């Protein structure tokens, strides 16, 4: 959105994504809002395919389409950092179950970007960590069994006209007041960050 606002009048932008709708993981209301914003900024979307290569001034997609363009920008492919003694999938990420327990390891857990969960997102990492903490407490101190990890997506889309809320229920008319302390949504981390002294967080004991 920010780039589109800076384009010259004769330039255009196209986004290629394997999604069925823009940012579909955030739900129907948020996706429809993003689609409308893209249309308003004259950004074309090519859905349900992915870039394969850039050749002869064209982006070639996996289904054989050619998109004539002067410049192509792609996000990097994510790969995990292998940790000796732990299992990993083809991309190098640690496979875990819905409680964060590592496959074939009864006492080891993992949360966040290191895991095989396909979406790498700070808010989801804190949600995973909450489940892992509850699972460890249940195993160690007979605490109540935790609920399995059910991701809830919270996000903010930055545009030239201001931030747009993409959290649950996005699409209403209420303005979204962005607070850096709430950039990462977590049951325990968010209130901790809001109450903490920023200078003290980086201070040594």
N, C-alpha and C. Protein backbone atom coordinates (compact mmCIF):
# COMPACT_ATOMS: atom_id res chain seq x y z
N UNK A 1 0.83 -1.20 0.00
CA UNK A 1 0.00 0.00 0.00
C UNK A 1 0.86 1.26 0.00
N UNK A 2 1.93 1.23 0.79
CA UNK A 2 2.81 2.39 0.87
C UNK A 2 3.53 2.62 -0.45
N UNK A 3 3.97 1.54 -1.09
CA UNK A 3 4.64 1.66 -2.39
C UNK A 3 3.67 2.16 -3.44
N UNK A 4 2.47 1.61 -3.44
CA UNK A 4 1.47 2.01 -4.44
C UNK A 4 1.19 3.50 -4.37
N UNK A 5 1.21 4.06 -3.15
CA UNK A 5 0.93 5.49 -2.99
C UNK A 5 2.05 6.36 -3.56
N UNK A 6 3.24 5.78 -3.72
CA UNK A 6 4.39 6.53 -4.21
C UNK A 6 4.64 6.35 -5.70
N UNK A 7 3.88 5.49 -6.36
CA UNK A 7 4.11 5.21 -7.77
C UNK A 7 3.76 6.41 -8.65
N UNK A 8 4.51 6.57 -9.72
CA UNK A 8 4.17 7.58 -10.72
C UNK A 8 2.84 7.23 -11.36
N UNK A 9 2.19 8.22 -11.92
CA UNK A 9 0.85 8.01 -12.49
C UNK A 9 0.85 6.97 -13.60
N UNK A 10 1.95 6.84 -14.32
CA UNK A 10 1.97 5.88 -15.42
C UNK A 10 2.40 4.49 -15.02
N UNK A 11 2.75 4.29 -13.75
CA UNK A 11 3.21 2.98 -13.28
C UNK A 11 2.06 2.17 -12.69
N UNK A 12 2.24 0.88 -12.64
CA UNK A 12 1.23 0.00 -12.06
C UNK A 12 1.92 -1.09 -11.25
N UNK A 13 1.14 -1.74 -10.41
CA UNK A 13 1.67 -2.79 -9.54
C UNK A 13 0.76 -4.00 -9.58
N UNK A 14 1.38 -5.18 -9.55
CA UNK A 14 0.63 -6.43 -9.51
C UNK A 14 1.20 -7.30 -8.41
N UNK A 15 0.33 -7.89 -7.61
CA UNK A 15 0.74 -8.83 -6.56
C UNK A 15 0.33 -10.23 -6.97
N UNK A 16 1.28 -11.15 -6.91
CA UNK A 16 1.01 -12.56 -7.22
C UNK A 16 1.06 -13.34 -5.92
N UNK A 17 0.00 -14.08 -5.62
CA UNK A 17 -0.06 -14.81 -4.35
C UNK A 17 -0.81 -16.13 -4.53
N UNK A 18 -0.40 -17.19 -3.83
CA UNK A 18 -1.12 -18.46 -3.91
C UNK A 18 -2.45 -18.46 -3.16
N UNK A 19 -2.76 -17.37 -2.46
CA UNK A 19 -4.02 -17.29 -1.71
C UNK A 19 -5.23 -17.25 -2.64
N UNK A 20 -6.38 -17.64 -2.09
CA UNK A 20 -7.64 -17.51 -2.83
C UNK A 20 -8.20 -16.10 -2.75
N UNK A 21 -7.76 -15.34 -1.74
CA UNK A 21 -8.17 -13.94 -1.55
C UNK A 21 -7.04 -13.25 -0.80
N UNK A 22 -6.89 -11.93 -0.95
CA UNK A 22 -5.80 -11.23 -0.28
C UNK A 22 -5.86 -11.38 1.24
N UNK A 23 -4.76 -11.83 1.83
CA UNK A 23 -4.68 -12.02 3.29
C UNK A 23 -5.85 -12.81 3.84
N UNK A 24 -6.17 -13.91 3.20
CA UNK A 24 -7.35 -14.68 3.56
C UNK A 24 -7.27 -15.26 4.97
N UNK A 25 -6.08 -15.44 5.51
CA UNK A 25 -5.95 -16.01 6.85
C UNK A 25 -6.58 -15.13 7.93
N UNK A 26 -6.73 -13.83 7.64
CA UNK A 26 -7.30 -12.92 8.63
C UNK A 26 -8.83 -12.95 8.63
N UNK A 27 -9.42 -13.77 7.80
CA UNK A 27 -10.87 -13.89 7.79
C UNK A 27 -11.51 -13.11 6.65
N UNK A 28 -12.78 -13.40 6.41
CA UNK A 28 -13.49 -12.85 5.26
C UNK A 28 -13.58 -11.33 5.31
N UNK A 29 -13.95 -10.77 6.48
CA UNK A 29 -14.13 -9.32 6.58
C UNK A 29 -12.83 -8.58 6.30
N UNK A 30 -11.74 -9.04 6.91
CA UNK A 30 -10.45 -8.39 6.71
C UNK A 30 -9.99 -8.54 5.27
N UNK A 31 -10.18 -9.73 4.70
CA UNK A 31 -9.75 -9.97 3.33
C UNK A 31 -10.50 -9.08 2.35
N UNK A 32 -11.80 -8.93 2.56
CA UNK A 32 -12.60 -8.06 1.68
C UNK A 32 -12.15 -6.60 1.81
N UNK A 33 -11.80 -6.20 3.02
CA UNK A 33 -11.32 -4.83 3.22
C UNK A 33 -10.01 -4.62 2.47
N UNK A 34 -9.09 -5.58 2.57
CA UNK A 34 -7.80 -5.47 1.88
C UNK A 34 -8.00 -5.47 0.37
N UNK A 35 -8.89 -6.33 -0.12
CA UNK A 35 -9.16 -6.37 -1.56
C UNK A 35 -9.67 -5.02 -2.06
N UNK A 36 -10.54 -4.40 -1.28
CA UNK A 36 -11.06 -3.08 -1.67
C UNK A 36 -9.96 -2.03 -1.67
N UNK A 37 -9.08 -2.07 -0.68
CA UNK A 37 -7.97 -1.12 -0.62
C UNK A 37 -7.04 -1.30 -1.82
N UNK A 38 -6.80 -2.54 -2.20
CA UNK A 38 -5.94 -2.80 -3.36
C UNK A 38 -6.57 -2.22 -4.63
N UNK A 39 -7.88 -2.43 -4.78
CA UNK A 39 -8.56 -1.89 -5.96
C UNK A 39 -8.50 -0.36 -5.95
N UNK A 40 -8.71 0.24 -4.78
CA UNK A 40 -8.68 1.70 -4.68
C UNK A 40 -7.31 2.27 -5.04
N UNK A 41 -6.26 1.49 -4.80
CA UNK A 41 -4.90 1.95 -5.11
C UNK A 41 -4.42 1.41 -6.45
N UNK A 42 -5.34 0.85 -7.25
CA UNK A 42 -5.02 0.34 -8.59
C UNK A 42 -3.94 -0.74 -8.57
N UNK A 43 -3.99 -1.57 -7.54
CA UNK A 43 -3.07 -2.70 -7.43
C UNK A 43 -3.81 -3.96 -7.88
N UNK A 44 -3.33 -4.57 -8.94
CA UNK A 44 -3.94 -5.80 -9.45
C UNK A 44 -3.46 -6.99 -8.63
N UNK A 45 -4.32 -7.97 -8.42
CA UNK A 45 -3.94 -9.19 -7.72
C UNK A 45 -4.13 -10.39 -8.64
N UNK A 46 -3.13 -11.25 -8.66
CA UNK A 46 -3.19 -12.51 -9.38
C UNK A 46 -3.18 -13.61 -8.33
N UNK A 47 -4.31 -14.32 -8.19
CA UNK A 47 -4.51 -15.25 -7.09
C UNK A 47 -4.30 -16.70 -7.49
N UNK A 48 -4.10 -17.54 -6.48
CA UNK A 48 -4.02 -18.99 -6.62
C UNK A 48 -2.92 -19.45 -7.57
N UNK A 49 -1.79 -18.75 -7.52
CA UNK A 49 -0.61 -19.17 -8.26
C UNK A 49 0.60 -18.55 -7.58
N UNK A 50 1.78 -18.88 -8.05
CA UNK A 50 3.00 -18.36 -7.43
C UNK A 50 4.05 -18.09 -8.51
N UNK A 51 4.98 -17.18 -8.25
CA UNK A 51 6.04 -16.92 -9.21
C UNK A 51 6.94 -18.14 -9.39
N UNK A 52 7.34 -18.39 -10.61
CA UNK A 52 8.26 -19.49 -10.90
C UNK A 52 9.62 -18.97 -11.33
N UNK A 53 9.63 -17.95 -12.20
CA UNK A 53 10.89 -17.35 -12.64
C UNK A 53 10.62 -16.01 -13.31
N UNK A 54 11.68 -15.22 -13.42
CA UNK A 54 11.61 -13.95 -14.14
C UNK A 54 12.44 -14.11 -15.40
N UNK A 55 11.77 -13.99 -16.56
CA UNK A 55 12.45 -14.27 -17.82
C UNK A 55 11.94 -13.34 -18.90
N UNK A 56 12.88 -12.74 -19.66
CA UNK A 56 12.53 -11.89 -20.80
C UNK A 56 11.52 -10.81 -20.42
N UNK A 57 11.85 -10.08 -19.35
CA UNK A 57 11.01 -8.96 -18.87
C UNK A 57 9.60 -9.39 -18.49
N UNK A 58 9.47 -10.61 -18.02
CA UNK A 58 8.15 -11.10 -17.59
C UNK A 58 8.30 -12.03 -16.40
N UNK A 59 7.32 -11.95 -15.51
CA UNK A 59 7.24 -12.88 -14.40
C UNK A 59 6.41 -14.07 -14.86
N UNK A 60 7.00 -15.26 -14.81
CA UNK A 60 6.30 -16.48 -15.22
C UNK A 60 5.82 -17.19 -13.97
N UNK A 61 4.52 -17.49 -13.91
CA UNK A 61 3.94 -18.14 -12.74
C UNK A 61 3.98 -19.66 -12.88
N UNK A 62 3.68 -20.34 -11.78
CA UNK A 62 3.73 -21.80 -11.79
C UNK A 62 2.69 -22.43 -12.70
N UNK A 63 1.62 -21.70 -13.01
CA UNK A 63 0.61 -22.23 -13.93
C UNK A 63 0.82 -21.72 -15.36
N UNK A 64 1.99 -21.13 -15.63
CA UNK A 64 2.37 -20.78 -17.00
C UNK A 64 2.00 -19.39 -17.47
N UNK A 65 1.38 -18.60 -16.63
CA UNK A 65 1.03 -17.23 -17.04
C UNK A 65 2.27 -16.34 -17.10
N UNK A 66 2.25 -15.36 -18.00
CA UNK A 66 3.33 -14.39 -18.11
C UNK A 66 2.80 -13.00 -17.76
N UNK A 67 3.47 -12.34 -16.85
CA UNK A 67 3.09 -11.00 -16.43
C UNK A 67 4.21 -10.05 -16.83
N UNK A 68 3.97 -9.27 -17.88
CA UNK A 68 5.00 -8.35 -18.36
C UNK A 68 5.29 -7.30 -17.29
N UNK A 69 6.56 -7.11 -16.98
CA UNK A 69 6.92 -6.17 -15.92
C UNK A 69 8.36 -5.72 -16.08
N UNK A 70 8.63 -4.50 -15.61
CA UNK A 70 10.01 -3.98 -15.65
C UNK A 70 10.81 -4.42 -14.43
N UNK A 71 10.11 -4.78 -13.36
CA UNK A 71 10.79 -5.13 -12.12
C UNK A 71 9.96 -6.13 -11.35
N UNK A 72 10.61 -7.15 -10.81
CA UNK A 72 9.93 -8.15 -9.99
C UNK A 72 10.63 -8.23 -8.64
N UNK A 73 9.83 -8.20 -7.57
CA UNK A 73 10.35 -8.30 -6.21
C UNK A 73 9.68 -9.49 -5.54
N UNK A 74 10.45 -10.35 -4.90
CA UNK A 74 9.88 -11.52 -4.26
C UNK A 74 10.36 -11.61 -2.82
N UNK A 75 9.51 -12.19 -1.97
CA UNK A 75 9.92 -12.41 -0.58
C UNK A 75 10.81 -13.66 -0.54
N UNK A 76 11.71 -13.74 0.42
CA UNK A 76 12.62 -14.90 0.48
C UNK A 76 11.91 -16.17 0.92
N UNK A 77 12.48 -17.30 0.57
CA UNK A 77 12.01 -18.58 1.06
C UNK A 77 12.56 -18.79 2.46
N UNK A 78 11.68 -19.10 3.41
CA UNK A 78 12.10 -19.28 4.79
C UNK A 78 12.63 -20.69 5.02
N UNK A 79 13.74 -20.79 5.72
CA UNK A 79 14.30 -22.08 6.11
C UNK A 79 14.66 -22.04 7.58
N UNK A 80 14.56 -23.17 8.25
CA UNK A 80 14.84 -23.23 9.67
C UNK A 80 16.33 -23.39 9.97
N UNK A 81 16.68 -23.14 11.22
CA UNK A 81 18.05 -23.32 11.70
C UNK A 81 18.10 -24.65 12.43
N UNK A 82 18.85 -25.59 11.89
CA UNK A 82 18.86 -26.95 12.43
C UNK A 82 19.51 -26.98 13.81
N UNK A 83 18.82 -27.61 14.77
CA UNK A 83 19.31 -27.76 16.13
C UNK A 83 19.64 -29.23 16.36
N UNK A 84 20.90 -29.56 16.63
CA UNK A 84 21.29 -30.97 16.82
C UNK A 84 20.44 -31.65 17.89
N UNK A 85 19.99 -32.86 17.58
CA UNK A 85 19.22 -33.64 18.53
C UNK A 85 17.72 -33.49 18.40
N UNK A 86 17.26 -32.53 17.57
CA UNK A 86 15.84 -32.33 17.41
C UNK A 86 15.42 -32.66 15.98
N UNK A 87 14.20 -33.16 15.79
CA UNK A 87 13.73 -33.45 14.43
C UNK A 87 13.40 -32.17 13.68
N UNK A 88 13.35 -32.26 12.38
CA UNK A 88 12.99 -31.11 11.55
C UNK A 88 12.38 -31.60 10.25
N UNK A 89 11.59 -30.72 9.62
CA UNK A 89 10.95 -31.09 8.36
C UNK A 89 11.84 -30.71 7.18
N UNK A 90 11.29 -30.77 5.96
CA UNK A 90 12.09 -30.53 4.76
C UNK A 90 12.61 -29.10 4.69
N UNK A 91 11.93 -28.16 5.35
CA UNK A 91 12.37 -26.77 5.35
C UNK A 91 13.25 -26.43 6.56
N UNK A 92 13.49 -27.41 7.42
CA UNK A 92 14.34 -27.17 8.57
C UNK A 92 13.62 -26.72 9.82
N UNK A 93 12.28 -26.81 9.85
CA UNK A 93 11.52 -26.38 11.01
C UNK A 93 11.14 -27.59 11.88
N UNK A 94 10.94 -27.34 13.17
CA UNK A 94 10.69 -28.40 14.14
C UNK A 94 9.20 -28.76 14.14
N UNK A 95 8.87 -30.01 13.88
CA UNK A 95 7.45 -30.42 13.90
C UNK A 95 6.94 -30.55 15.34
N UNK A 96 5.79 -29.93 15.61
CA UNK A 96 5.18 -29.99 16.93
C UNK A 96 3.70 -30.32 16.79
N UNK A 97 3.10 -30.76 17.91
CA UNK A 97 1.67 -31.03 17.90
C UNK A 97 0.90 -29.77 18.33
N UNK A 98 -0.39 -29.90 18.58
CA UNK A 98 -1.23 -28.74 18.90
C UNK A 98 -0.93 -28.15 20.28
N UNK A 99 -0.05 -28.82 21.05
CA UNK A 99 0.32 -28.32 22.37
C UNK A 99 1.78 -27.89 22.41
N UNK A 100 2.43 -27.86 21.23
CA UNK A 100 3.81 -27.44 21.15
C UNK A 100 4.83 -28.52 21.48
N UNK A 101 4.37 -29.74 21.72
CA UNK A 101 5.30 -30.82 22.04
C UNK A 101 5.98 -31.30 20.76
N UNK A 102 7.29 -31.43 20.83
CA UNK A 102 8.07 -31.83 19.66
C UNK A 102 7.83 -33.30 19.35
N UNK A 103 7.68 -33.62 18.09
CA UNK A 103 7.43 -34.99 17.66
C UNK A 103 8.49 -35.94 18.23
N UNK A 104 8.02 -37.05 18.81
CA UNK A 104 8.87 -38.11 19.35
C UNK A 104 9.73 -37.65 20.52
N UNK A 105 9.37 -36.53 21.14
CA UNK A 105 10.09 -36.04 22.32
C UNK A 105 9.05 -35.74 23.40
N UNK A 106 9.09 -36.50 24.49
CA UNK A 106 8.06 -36.36 25.51
C UNK A 106 8.28 -35.18 26.45
N UNK A 107 9.52 -34.64 26.50
CA UNK A 107 9.81 -33.58 27.47
C UNK A 107 10.27 -32.29 26.81
N UNK A 108 10.23 -32.21 25.50
CA UNK A 108 10.69 -31.02 24.81
C UNK A 108 9.53 -30.36 24.08
N UNK A 109 9.51 -29.04 24.14
CA UNK A 109 8.46 -28.25 23.50
C UNK A 109 9.11 -27.13 22.69
N UNK A 110 8.36 -26.60 21.75
CA UNK A 110 8.85 -25.47 20.96
C UNK A 110 7.68 -24.57 20.59
N UNK A 111 7.96 -23.28 20.40
CA UNK A 111 6.94 -22.32 20.00
C UNK A 111 7.58 -21.26 19.12
N UNK A 112 6.77 -20.66 18.25
CA UNK A 112 7.27 -19.55 17.44
C UNK A 112 7.79 -19.96 16.09
N UNK A 113 8.64 -19.11 15.53
CA UNK A 113 9.09 -19.28 14.15
C UNK A 113 9.91 -20.53 13.92
N UNK A 114 10.47 -21.11 14.98
CA UNK A 114 11.29 -22.31 14.83
C UNK A 114 10.44 -23.54 14.51
N UNK A 115 9.12 -23.47 14.76
CA UNK A 115 8.26 -24.62 14.56
C UNK A 115 7.78 -24.72 13.11
N UNK A 116 7.17 -25.85 12.80
CA UNK A 116 6.70 -26.10 11.44
C UNK A 116 5.37 -25.44 11.13
N UNK A 117 4.76 -24.74 12.09
CA UNK A 117 3.52 -24.04 11.78
C UNK A 117 3.79 -23.08 10.62
N UNK A 118 2.98 -23.11 9.56
CA UNK A 118 3.35 -22.43 8.32
C UNK A 118 3.39 -20.91 8.37
N UNK A 119 2.69 -20.28 9.33
CA UNK A 119 2.65 -18.82 9.38
C UNK A 119 3.63 -18.33 10.46
N UNK A 120 4.60 -17.51 10.06
CA UNK A 120 5.58 -16.95 10.99
C UNK A 120 5.13 -15.54 11.35
N UNK A 121 4.66 -15.38 12.60
CA UNK A 121 4.01 -14.14 12.98
C UNK A 121 4.17 -13.98 14.48
N UNK A 122 4.62 -12.80 14.94
CA UNK A 122 4.90 -12.59 16.35
C UNK A 122 3.73 -12.89 17.27
N UNK A 123 2.54 -12.43 16.89
CA UNK A 123 1.38 -12.67 17.72
C UNK A 123 1.07 -14.15 17.88
N UNK A 124 1.25 -14.92 16.79
CA UNK A 124 0.99 -16.35 16.86
C UNK A 124 2.03 -17.05 17.72
N UNK A 125 3.28 -16.54 17.71
CA UNK A 125 4.32 -17.13 18.55
C UNK A 125 3.96 -17.01 20.03
N UNK A 126 3.40 -15.86 20.43
CA UNK A 126 3.00 -15.70 21.83
C UNK A 126 1.83 -16.60 22.16
N UNK A 127 0.92 -16.80 21.22
CA UNK A 127 -0.20 -17.70 21.46
C UNK A 127 0.30 -19.14 21.64
N UNK A 128 1.26 -19.53 20.80
CA UNK A 128 1.86 -20.86 20.94
C UNK A 128 2.56 -20.99 22.29
N UNK A 129 3.28 -19.94 22.69
CA UNK A 129 4.01 -19.98 23.96
C UNK A 129 3.06 -20.12 25.14
N UNK A 130 1.89 -19.48 25.07
CA UNK A 130 0.90 -19.61 26.14
C UNK A 130 0.46 -21.07 26.28
N UNK A 131 0.24 -21.74 25.14
CA UNK A 131 -0.17 -23.14 25.16
C UNK A 131 0.94 -24.02 25.71
N UNK A 132 2.17 -23.76 25.27
CA UNK A 132 3.32 -24.55 25.73
C UNK A 132 3.49 -24.40 27.24
N UNK A 133 3.39 -23.16 27.74
CA UNK A 133 3.55 -22.94 29.18
C UNK A 133 2.49 -23.72 29.96
N UNK A 134 1.26 -23.72 29.47
CA UNK A 134 0.18 -24.45 30.14
C UNK A 134 0.42 -25.96 30.07
N UNK A 135 0.94 -26.44 28.93
CA UNK A 135 1.20 -27.87 28.78
C UNK A 135 2.32 -28.33 29.71
N UNK A 136 3.35 -27.51 29.86
CA UNK A 136 4.44 -27.85 30.78
C UNK A 136 3.94 -27.85 32.21
N UNK A 137 3.12 -26.85 32.56
CA UNK A 137 2.56 -26.79 33.92
C UNK A 137 1.69 -28.01 34.20
N UNK A 138 0.92 -28.44 33.21
CA UNK A 138 0.05 -29.61 33.39
C UNK A 138 0.87 -30.87 33.63
N UNK A 139 1.99 -30.99 32.90
CA UNK A 139 2.83 -32.18 33.03
C UNK A 139 3.64 -32.17 34.33
N UNK A 140 4.10 -30.99 34.75
CA UNK A 140 4.99 -30.92 35.90
C UNK A 140 4.27 -30.79 37.23
N UNK A 141 3.14 -30.09 37.25
CA UNK A 141 2.49 -29.80 38.52
C UNK A 141 1.01 -30.19 38.54
N UNK A 142 0.61 -31.05 37.63
CA UNK A 142 -0.77 -31.52 37.58
C UNK A 142 -1.76 -30.37 37.45
N UNK A 143 -1.36 -29.33 36.72
CA UNK A 143 -2.25 -28.21 36.45
C UNK A 143 -3.30 -28.64 35.45
N UNK A 144 -4.39 -27.86 35.28
CA UNK A 144 -5.43 -28.23 34.31
C UNK A 144 -4.85 -28.39 32.90
N UNK A 145 -5.38 -29.34 32.17
CA UNK A 145 -4.92 -29.57 30.80
C UNK A 145 -5.21 -28.34 29.94
N UNK A 146 -4.26 -27.93 29.10
CA UNK A 146 -4.46 -26.73 28.28
C UNK A 146 -5.36 -27.00 27.09
N UNK A 147 -5.90 -25.94 26.53
CA UNK A 147 -6.61 -26.03 25.26
C UNK A 147 -5.58 -26.11 24.14
N UNK A 148 -5.84 -26.85 23.07
CA UNK A 148 -4.88 -26.91 21.96
C UNK A 148 -4.75 -25.56 21.27
N UNK A 149 -3.65 -25.40 20.58
CA UNK A 149 -3.36 -24.15 19.87
C UNK A 149 -4.37 -23.92 18.76
N UNK A 150 -5.10 -22.81 18.84
CA UNK A 150 -6.04 -22.40 17.81
C UNK A 150 -5.70 -20.96 17.44
N UNK A 151 -4.98 -20.77 16.36
CA UNK A 151 -4.46 -19.43 16.04
C UNK A 151 -5.54 -18.39 15.82
N UNK A 152 -5.32 -17.22 16.41
CA UNK A 152 -6.16 -16.05 16.18
C UNK A 152 -5.25 -14.96 15.63
N UNK A 153 -5.57 -14.47 14.45
CA UNK A 153 -4.70 -13.53 13.76
C UNK A 153 -5.05 -12.09 14.11
N UNK A 154 -4.04 -11.34 14.57
CA UNK A 154 -4.17 -9.91 14.79
C UNK A 154 -3.10 -9.24 13.94
N UNK A 155 -3.45 -8.16 13.26
CA UNK A 155 -2.45 -7.48 12.46
C UNK A 155 -2.87 -6.07 12.10
N UNK A 156 -1.90 -5.29 11.67
CA UNK A 156 -2.13 -3.93 11.24
C UNK A 156 -1.51 -3.73 9.87
N UNK A 157 -2.30 -3.29 8.91
CA UNK A 157 -1.81 -2.99 7.57
C UNK A 157 -1.51 -1.50 7.49
N UNK A 158 -0.27 -1.16 7.16
CA UNK A 158 0.12 0.24 7.06
C UNK A 158 -0.17 0.76 5.66
N UNK A 159 -0.89 1.85 5.57
CA UNK A 159 -1.20 2.48 4.30
C UNK A 159 -0.85 3.96 4.38
N UNK A 160 -0.83 4.62 3.23
CA UNK A 160 -0.54 6.05 3.20
C UNK A 160 -1.61 6.85 3.92
N UNK A 161 -2.80 6.28 4.08
CA UNK A 161 -3.90 6.97 4.76
C UNK A 161 -3.99 6.61 6.23
N UNK A 162 -3.04 5.82 6.73
CA UNK A 162 -3.05 5.42 8.13
C UNK A 162 -3.17 3.93 8.30
N UNK A 163 -3.02 3.42 9.54
CA UNK A 163 -3.08 1.98 9.80
C UNK A 163 -4.50 1.44 9.68
N UNK A 164 -4.59 0.18 9.26
CA UNK A 164 -5.88 -0.50 9.10
C UNK A 164 -5.85 -1.77 9.94
N UNK A 165 -6.82 -1.93 10.83
CA UNK A 165 -6.90 -3.09 11.71
C UNK A 165 -7.32 -4.32 10.92
N UNK A 166 -6.55 -5.42 11.08
CA UNK A 166 -6.90 -6.68 10.44
C UNK A 166 -7.16 -7.77 11.48
N UNK A 167 -7.45 -7.35 12.70
CA UNK A 167 -7.70 -8.32 13.75
C UNK A 167 -9.08 -8.92 13.65
N UNK A 168 -9.45 -9.78 14.60
CA UNK A 168 -10.79 -10.38 14.58
C UNK A 168 -11.88 -9.31 14.53
N UNK A 169 -12.81 -9.50 13.65
CA UNK A 169 -13.89 -8.55 13.51
C UNK A 169 -13.53 -7.33 12.70
N UNK A 170 -12.36 -7.34 12.05
CA UNK A 170 -11.96 -6.21 11.23
C UNK A 170 -12.99 -5.97 10.14
N UNK A 171 -13.16 -4.73 9.78
CA UNK A 171 -14.13 -4.40 8.75
C UNK A 171 -15.21 -3.47 9.26
N UNK A 172 -15.24 -3.20 10.58
CA UNK A 172 -16.21 -2.29 11.14
C UNK A 172 -15.79 -0.85 10.95
N UNK A 173 -16.59 0.07 11.48
CA UNK A 173 -16.32 1.49 11.27
C UNK A 173 -15.50 2.11 12.38
N UNK A 174 -15.25 1.37 13.46
CA UNK A 174 -14.49 1.93 14.58
C UNK A 174 -13.04 2.13 14.18
N UNK A 175 -12.44 3.29 14.51
CA UNK A 175 -11.03 3.52 14.19
C UNK A 175 -10.13 2.61 15.01
N UNK A 176 -8.97 2.32 14.48
CA UNK A 176 -8.03 1.44 15.16
C UNK A 176 -6.90 2.26 15.75
N UNK A 177 -6.79 2.28 17.08
CA UNK A 177 -5.74 3.03 17.76
C UNK A 177 -4.54 2.12 17.95
N UNK A 178 -3.51 2.34 17.15
CA UNK A 178 -2.34 1.46 17.19
C UNK A 178 -1.47 1.80 18.39
N UNK A 179 -1.14 0.79 19.17
CA UNK A 179 -0.30 0.96 20.35
C UNK A 179 0.89 0.02 20.21
N UNK A 180 2.13 0.54 20.19
CA UNK A 180 3.30 -0.34 20.04
C UNK A 180 3.34 -1.46 21.06
N UNK A 181 2.84 -1.20 22.28
CA UNK A 181 2.84 -2.24 23.31
C UNK A 181 1.91 -3.38 22.97
N UNK A 182 0.99 -3.16 22.04
CA UNK A 182 0.06 -4.21 21.64
C UNK A 182 0.34 -4.72 20.24
N UNK A 183 1.52 -4.42 19.73
CA UNK A 183 1.87 -4.90 18.40
C UNK A 183 1.86 -6.42 18.37
N UNK A 184 2.31 -7.05 19.46
CA UNK A 184 2.27 -8.49 19.61
C UNK A 184 1.17 -8.83 20.61
N UNK A 185 0.18 -9.60 20.16
CA UNK A 185 -0.95 -9.95 21.01
C UNK A 185 -0.66 -11.25 21.74
N UNK A 186 -0.65 -11.22 23.06
CA UNK A 186 -0.46 -12.42 23.85
C UNK A 186 -1.18 -12.29 25.18
N UNK A 187 -1.67 -13.41 25.70
CA UNK A 187 -2.43 -13.39 26.95
C UNK A 187 -1.62 -12.82 28.10
N UNK A 188 -0.32 -13.14 28.14
CA UNK A 188 0.53 -12.68 29.23
C UNK A 188 1.54 -11.63 28.76
N UNK A 189 2.07 -11.79 27.54
CA UNK A 189 3.12 -10.88 27.07
C UNK A 189 2.60 -9.46 26.87
N UNK A 190 1.40 -9.31 26.30
CA UNK A 190 0.88 -7.97 26.02
C UNK A 190 0.70 -7.14 27.29
N UNK A 191 0.01 -7.66 28.33
CA UNK A 191 -0.10 -6.85 29.55
C UNK A 191 1.24 -6.60 30.22
N UNK A 192 2.18 -7.55 30.10
CA UNK A 192 3.51 -7.34 30.67
C UNK A 192 4.22 -6.18 29.99
N UNK A 193 4.16 -6.15 28.66
CA UNK A 193 4.84 -5.07 27.92
C UNK A 193 4.18 -3.72 28.20
N UNK A 194 2.87 -3.71 28.37
CA UNK A 194 2.18 -2.45 28.63
C UNK A 194 2.54 -1.89 30.00
N UNK A 195 2.78 -2.77 30.95
CA UNK A 195 3.08 -2.31 32.31
C UNK A 195 4.56 -2.10 32.56
N UNK A 196 5.41 -2.65 31.70
CA UNK A 196 6.85 -2.60 31.94
C UNK A 196 7.44 -1.25 31.59
N UNK A 197 8.55 -0.94 32.22
CA UNK A 197 9.33 0.25 31.90
C UNK A 197 10.25 -0.10 30.73
N UNK A 198 10.09 0.52 29.56
CA UNK A 198 10.92 0.15 28.39
C UNK A 198 12.41 0.18 28.68
N UNK A 199 12.86 1.15 29.48
CA UNK A 199 14.29 1.23 29.79
C UNK A 199 14.73 0.05 30.63
N UNK A 200 13.84 -0.41 31.53
CA UNK A 200 14.20 -1.52 32.41
C UNK A 200 14.28 -2.85 31.67
N UNK A 201 13.52 -2.99 30.58
CA UNK A 201 13.52 -4.24 29.83
C UNK A 201 14.91 -4.58 29.29
N UNK A 202 15.67 -3.55 28.92
CA UNK A 202 17.00 -3.78 28.37
C UNK A 202 18.11 -3.65 29.38
N UNK A 203 17.77 -3.39 30.65
CA UNK A 203 18.79 -3.19 31.67
C UNK A 203 19.34 -4.53 32.16
N UNK A 204 20.61 -4.54 32.49
CA UNK A 204 21.24 -5.73 33.04
C UNK A 204 20.95 -5.81 34.53
N UNK A 205 20.98 -7.04 35.06
CA UNK A 205 20.75 -7.22 36.50
C UNK A 205 21.84 -6.49 37.29
